[in-house]
Amino acid sequence: MEKQENRLKILRKEKGLTQTKLANEIGVSKRTIIAWENDERQIKPDKAQQLADYFGVKEGYLLGYTNNRFGVSQIVKAIEEKLSTPDSALNKDVLESTMKIIELSDFLNMDLETLSNIYFYNLKRQTPMRVLSDLFDFFDSEAHDYMELLSIVEPYQADEIIQEINKLGDYKEELSLYLNKLKAEEDFLQTTGYPISMSSEPTKNVVKIDIPKNTLSDDELMALPPEERKEYISEYLDAMSKALSSLTDTISNTAGATADVTGDQLGKLTNSLIKTLAKLNEVAHKD
């Protein structure tokens, strides 16, 4: 997986700042900025908040924990700046619905202008937006408004509006790809009983492989007559061989789907096999 570029470096470049200039603004050394941008040193909480406030983004975004650049307070502020009058009150239910949709669409990484417009679109709807697919209508509505604006503005203003329309188109395309992926994963799960991607969490349909247990201690094993020892070890090896074969079939049949046997149990089986082979070799030499 390609490593994500350091968010601090991205934000600094977006603002057109040198490392020296940012260091002076924040009150740290240039070397500290370099260390942060190269992930050589963690940003302390107080400095992370200071940097987030300086760049106008969420602290989680700065640190790479989320793709959503803007926090609730920033979005609310942007909405309030667009209210018809300073005294206009926010609709709490609509705001709550808006924030839920914004949280669900975190992966789109929408700009603050678009995020704040979701509130006003939500305000006009008979029922608040509740699912991601509701965003398609929002993007179409925004694009329609820009198209109408495009017909009345001066030519020199057209480029900026066209950029906004194209941006909405990009959001819509990315949303469509995301929802199609979710649908494909859901269809795969319903058809096969397995998730489409690897996961550390087992599903209810995961096939479990029972690891053969060695019921005898080393001392008890060596106390057996030679022929009984060989027979016991031979049976144990056969049981492990069947378990390994079953495990191989499981991995093959699920085509890479989740099976909580792959890593942990394969390791245990392999270790058991090695120990048993070593013991068999030891017995062979003694007998």
Protein backbone atom coordinates (compact mmCIF):
# COMPACT_ATOMS: atom_id res chain seq x y z
CA MET A 1 0.00 0.00 0.00
CA GLU A 2 1.33 3.42 -0.99
CA LYS A 3 2.28 5.53 2.00
CA GLN A 4 0.11 8.60 2.52
CA GLU A 5 1.96 11.90 2.22
CA ASN A 6 2.44 13.69 5.51
CA ARG A 7 -0.58 15.93 6.14
CA LEU A 8 1.46 18.69 7.77
CA LYS A 9 3.63 18.91 4.66
CA ILE A 10 0.52 19.01 2.45
CA LEU A 11 -1.07 21.82 4.49
CA ARG A 12 2.17 23.82 4.64
CA LYS A 13 2.59 23.63 0.85
CA GLU A 14 -1.08 24.54 0.28
CA LYS A 15 -0.51 27.68 2.32
CA GLY A 16 2.71 28.45 0.44
CA LEU A 17 4.86 28.39 3.57
CA THR A 18 8.50 27.42 3.95
CA GLN A 19 9.49 25.19 6.84
CA THR A 20 11.29 28.16 8.40
CA LYS A 21 8.22 30.40 8.12
CA LEU A 22 5.93 27.75 9.67
CA ALA A 23 8.44 27.14 12.48
CA ASN A 24 8.41 30.86 13.31
CA GLU A 25 4.58 30.97 13.21
CA ILE A 26 4.21 28.01 15.57
CA GLY A 27 7.16 28.80 17.83
CA VAL A 28 9.35 25.76 17.19
CA SER A 29 12.63 25.14 15.36
CA LYS A 30 12.89 24.35 11.65
CA ARG A 31 14.40 21.00 12.62
CA THR A 32 11.22 20.17 14.56
CA ILE A 33 9.08 20.90 11.48
CA ILE A 34 11.33 18.65 9.38
CA ALA A 35 11.08 15.86 11.96
CA TRP A 36 7.27 16.13 12.04
CA GLU A 37 6.99 16.11 8.25
CA ASN A 38 9.30 13.10 7.93
CA ASP A 39 7.40 11.22 10.68
CA GLU A 40 10.58 11.10 12.76
CA ARG A 41 8.84 12.59 15.77
CA GLN A 42 5.24 12.66 16.99
CA ILE A 43 3.49 16.01 17.30
CA LYS A 44 2.59 16.69 20.93
CA PRO A 45 -1.14 17.27 21.61
CA ASP A 46 -0.81 21.00 22.36
CA LYS A 47 1.19 21.63 19.17
CA ALA A 48 -1.14 19.43 17.12
CA GLN A 49 -4.10 21.56 18.21
CA GLN A 50 -2.13 24.75 17.54
CA LEU A 51 -1.26 23.56 14.04
CA ALA A 52 -4.85 22.43 13.37
CA ASP A 53 -6.18 25.84 14.43
CA TYR A 54 -3.54 27.58 12.33
CA PHE A 55 -4.45 25.66 9.16
CA GLY A 56 -8.17 25.59 9.91
CA VAL A 57 -8.56 21.81 9.93
CA LYS A 58 -9.48 19.06 12.37
CA GLU A 59 -6.68 17.79 14.56
CA GLY A 60 -7.53 14.25 13.41
CA TYR A 61 -7.07 15.30 9.80
CA LEU A 62 -3.70 16.89 10.52
CA LEU A 63 -2.53 13.68 12.21
CA GLY A 64 -3.87 11.43 9.45
CA TYR A 65 -6.66 9.81 11.50
CA THR A 66 -9.47 10.97 9.21
CA ASN A 67 -10.00 12.29 5.69
CA ASN A 68 -12.49 14.86 6.93
CA ARG A 69 -10.58 18.14 7.11
CA PHE A 70 -13.15 20.09 9.03
CA GLY A 71 -14.55 19.75 12.54
CA VAL A 72 -18.08 20.48 13.70
CA SER A 73 -17.22 23.97 14.93
CA GLN A 74 -15.68 24.93 11.58
CA ILE A 75 -18.65 23.62 9.62
CA VAL A 76 -21.15 25.35 11.92
CA LYS A 77 -19.22 28.61 11.60
CA ALA A 78 -19.32 28.34 7.80
CA ILE A 79 -23.08 27.69 7.93
CA GLU A 80 -23.69 30.64 10.27
CA GLU A 81 -21.80 32.95 7.93
CA LYS A 82 -24.32 32.08 5.20
CA LEU A 83 -27.45 32.60 7.27
CA SER A 84 -29.77 35.32 5.96
CA THR A 85 -29.49 37.35 9.15
CA PRO A 86 -27.01 37.25 12.05
CA ASP A 87 -29.87 36.41 14.40
CA SER A 88 -31.12 33.44 12.37
CA ALA A 89 -31.10 30.29 14.46
CA LEU A 90 -29.73 26.98 13.27
CA ASN A 91 -32.21 24.13 12.95
CA LYS A 92 -30.78 21.59 15.38
CA ASP A 93 -32.47 18.57 13.78
CA VAL A 94 -31.28 19.53 10.32
CA LEU A 95 -27.79 20.25 11.64
CA GLU A 96 -27.67 16.85 13.34
CA SER A 97 -28.76 15.11 10.12
CA THR A 98 -26.21 17.13 8.16
CA MET A 99 -23.35 16.19 10.46
CA LYS A 100 -24.28 12.50 10.23
CA ILE A 101 -24.19 12.61 6.43
CA ILE A 102 -20.87 14.46 6.55
CA GLU A 103 -19.46 11.80 8.85
CA LEU A 104 -20.66 9.01 6.55
CA SER A 105 -19.11 10.74 3.52
CA ASP A 106 -15.76 11.28 5.23
CA PHE A 107 -14.00 9.45 2.35
CA LEU A 108 -15.06 12.15 -0.17
CA ASN A 109 -12.97 14.79 1.63
CA MET A 110 -15.34 17.59 0.56
CA ASP A 111 -14.35 21.23 0.89
CA LEU A 112 -15.88 23.50 3.52
CA GLU A 113 -18.09 25.34 1.02
CA THR A 114 -19.73 22.09 -0.10
CA LEU A 115 -20.07 20.76 3.44
CA SER A 116 -21.85 23.89 4.62
CA ASN A 117 -24.17 23.81 1.58
CA ILE A 118 -25.36 20.34 2.61
CA TYR A 119 -27.08 21.98 5.59
CA PHE A 120 -29.08 24.40 3.43
CA TYR A 121 -30.03 21.67 0.96
CA ASN A 122 -31.12 19.55 3.90
CA LEU A 123 -33.16 22.44 5.20
CA LYS A 124 -35.18 22.56 1.96
CA ARG A 125 -35.95 18.84 1.91
CA GLN A 126 -39.22 17.43 3.22
CA THR A 127 -37.25 14.69 4.95
CA PRO A 128 -33.64 15.05 6.12
CA MET A 129 -30.84 13.22 4.33
CA ARG A 130 -30.15 9.91 6.05
CA VAL A 131 -28.16 7.70 3.67
CA LEU A 132 -25.17 8.26 1.42
CA SER A 133 -27.19 7.87 -1.79
CA ASP A 134 -29.12 11.04 -0.82
CA LEU A 135 -25.95 12.95 -1.72
CA PHE A 136 -26.53 12.28 -5.43
CA ASP A 137 -29.55 14.60 -5.40
CA PHE A 138 -27.55 17.18 -3.45
CA PHE A 139 -24.70 17.16 -5.98
CA ASP A 140 -27.18 17.45 -8.88
CA SER A 141 -28.95 20.34 -7.16
CA GLU A 142 -25.67 22.18 -6.56
CA ALA A 143 -24.54 21.61 -10.15
CA HIS A 144 -27.91 22.91 -11.43
CA ASP A 145 -27.52 26.10 -9.38
CA TYR A 146 -24.02 26.63 -10.74
CA MET A 147 -25.25 26.05 -14.30
CA GLU A 148 -27.86 28.76 -13.86
CA LEU A 149 -25.21 31.06 -12.43
CA LEU A 150 -22.96 30.30 -15.40
CA SER A 151 -25.56 31.70 -17.77
CA ILE A 152 -25.53 35.16 -16.16
CA VAL A 153 -21.93 35.78 -15.06
CA GLU A 154 -19.22 37.57 -16.98
CA PRO A 155 -16.95 35.37 -19.12
CA TYR A 156 -13.94 35.94 -16.85
CA GLN A 157 -15.93 34.42 -13.96
CA ALA A 158 -16.90 31.30 -15.88
CA ASP A 159 -13.72 29.30 -15.22
CA GLU A 160 -14.22 29.32 -11.45
CA ILE A 161 -17.82 28.16 -11.78
CA ILE A 162 -16.88 25.41 -14.21
CA GLN A 163 -14.28 24.21 -11.71
CA GLU A 164 -16.99 23.98 -9.04
CA ILE A 165 -19.26 22.00 -11.38
CA ASN A 166 -16.41 19.62 -12.24
CA LYS A 167 -15.61 19.21 -8.55
CA LEU A 168 -19.20 18.17 -7.84
CA GLY A 169 -18.95 15.70 -10.70
CA ASP A 170 -15.82 14.23 -9.14
CA TYR A 171 -17.56 13.88 -5.77
CA LYS A 172 -20.49 12.17 -7.45
CA GLU A 173 -18.24 9.74 -9.34
CA GLU A 174 -16.27 8.85 -6.21
CA LEU A 175 -19.51 8.29 -4.27
CA SER A 176 -20.82 6.03 -7.03
CA LEU A 177 -17.61 3.95 -7.01
CA TYR A 178 -17.77 3.64 -3.22
CA LEU A 179 -21.42 2.52 -3.18
CA ASN A 180 -20.81 0.04 -6.02
CA LYS A 181 -17.93 -1.43 -4.05
CA LEU A 182 -20.13 -1.80 -0.96
CA LYS A 183 -22.82 -3.48 -3.08
CA ALA A 184 -20.29 -5.91 -4.58
CA GLU A 185 -19.00 -6.79 -1.10
CA GLU A 186 -22.55 -7.34 0.15
CA ASP A 187 -23.43 -9.55 -2.84
CA PHE A 188 -20.24 -11.57 -2.38
CA LEU A 189 -20.97 -12.08 1.31
CA GLN A 190 -24.54 -13.21 0.65
CA THR A 191 -23.42 -15.58 -2.11
CA THR A 192 -20.38 -17.16 -0.45
CA GLY A 193 -20.83 -16.51 3.25
CA TYR A 194 -17.42 -14.82 3.34
CA PRO A 195 -16.37 -11.16 3.21
CA ILE A 196 -14.69 -10.07 -0.02
CA SER A 197 -11.55 -8.83 1.74
CA MET A 198 -9.28 -10.20 4.45
CA SER A 199 -10.26 -9.40 7.99
CA SER A 200 -9.04 -10.27 11.46
CA GLU A 201 -12.65 -10.73 12.57
CA PRO A 202 -14.12 -14.19 11.89
CA THR A 203 -17.62 -14.43 10.41
CA LYS A 204 -20.32 -16.83 11.55
CA ASN A 205 -19.67 -19.01 8.49
CA VAL A 206 -15.92 -19.32 8.94
CA VAL A 207 -14.67 -22.91 8.78
CA LYS A 208 -12.58 -23.82 11.79
CA ILE A 209 -9.76 -26.36 11.66
CA ASP A 210 -9.20 -28.50 14.74
CA ILE A 211 -5.52 -28.88 15.58
CA PRO A 212 -4.69 -32.47 16.66
CA LYS A 213 -3.67 -32.50 20.30
CA ASN A 214 -0.73 -34.46 21.63
CA THR A 215 -2.27 -36.14 24.68
CA LEU A 216 1.03 -37.53 25.96
CA SER A 217 3.87 -35.62 27.56
CA ASP A 218 7.44 -36.24 26.40
CA ASP A 219 8.13 -38.42 29.45
CA GLU A 220 4.95 -40.46 28.90
CA LEU A 221 5.78 -40.87 25.22
CA MET A 222 9.30 -42.09 25.90
CA ALA A 223 7.98 -44.51 28.55
CA LEU A 224 6.01 -46.38 25.89
CA PRO A 225 7.48 -49.50 24.27
CA PRO A 226 9.30 -48.65 20.99
CA GLU A 227 6.62 -50.06 18.71
CA GLU A 228 3.82 -48.25 20.55
CA ARG A 229 5.79 -44.99 20.40
CA LYS A 230 6.21 -45.32 16.65
CA GLU A 231 2.53 -46.16 16.18
CA TYR A 232 1.42 -43.21 18.34
CA ILE A 233 3.66 -40.77 16.48
CA SER A 234 2.61 -42.18 13.11
CA GLU A 235 -1.07 -41.69 13.95
CA TYR A 236 -0.38 -38.16 15.21
CA LEU A 237 1.49 -37.28 12.01
CA ASP A 238 -1.39 -38.65 9.95
CA ALA A 239 -3.91 -36.55 11.91
CA MET A 240 -1.81 -33.41 11.38
CA SER A 241 -1.43 -34.19 7.70
CA LYS A 242 -5.22 -34.33 7.36
CA ALA A 243 -5.58 -31.05 9.29
CA LEU A 244 -3.05 -29.34 7.02
CA SER A 245 -4.81 -30.72 3.94
CA SER A 246 -8.16 -29.47 5.24
CA LEU A 247 -6.64 -26.06 5.92
CA THR A 248 -5.22 -25.87 2.39
CA ASP A 249 -8.60 -26.79 0.91
CA THR A 250 -10.33 -24.15 3.05
CA ILE A 251 -7.99 -21.38 1.93
CA SER A 252 -8.33 -22.46 -1.71
CA ASN A 253 -12.12 -22.74 -1.65
CA THR A 254 -12.66 -19.35 -0.02
CA ALA A 255 -10.47 -17.65 -2.64
CA GLY A 256 -8.72 -15.52 -0.07
CA ALA A 257 -11.78 -14.83 2.06
CA THR A 258 -11.53 -14.61 5.79
CA ALA A 259 -10.78 -17.83 7.67
CA ASP A 260 -9.60 -17.58 11.23
CA VAL A 261 -7.29 -20.54 10.63
CA THR A 262 -4.84 -19.10 8.17
CA GLY A 263 -2.13 -17.44 10.21
CA ASP A 264 -2.44 -18.60 13.80
CA GLN A 265 -3.48 -22.21 13.25
CA LEU A 266 -1.12 -22.75 10.33
CA GLY A 267 1.72 -21.66 12.58
CA LYS A 268 0.59 -24.01 15.35
CA LEU A 269 0.25 -26.91 12.94
CA THR A 270 3.66 -26.28 11.46
CA ASN A 271 5.29 -26.06 14.90
CA SER A 272 3.57 -29.26 15.99
CA LEU A 273 4.71 -31.01 12.84
CA ILE A 274 8.33 -29.93 13.34
CA LYS A 275 8.32 -31.03 16.98
CA THR A 276 6.78 -34.37 16.12
CA LEU A 277 9.26 -35.02 13.32
CA ALA A 278 12.08 -34.17 15.70
CA LYS A 279 10.64 -36.54 18.30
CA LEU A 280 10.22 -39.27 15.69
CA ASN A 281 13.85 -38.82 14.67
CA GLU A 282 14.91 -39.00 18.34
CA VAL A 283 12.88 -42.16 18.90
CA ALA A 284 14.26 -43.76 15.75
CA HIS A 285 17.80 -43.26 16.97
CA LYS A 286 17.04 -44.58 20.47
CA ASP A 287 15.16 -47.59 19.20
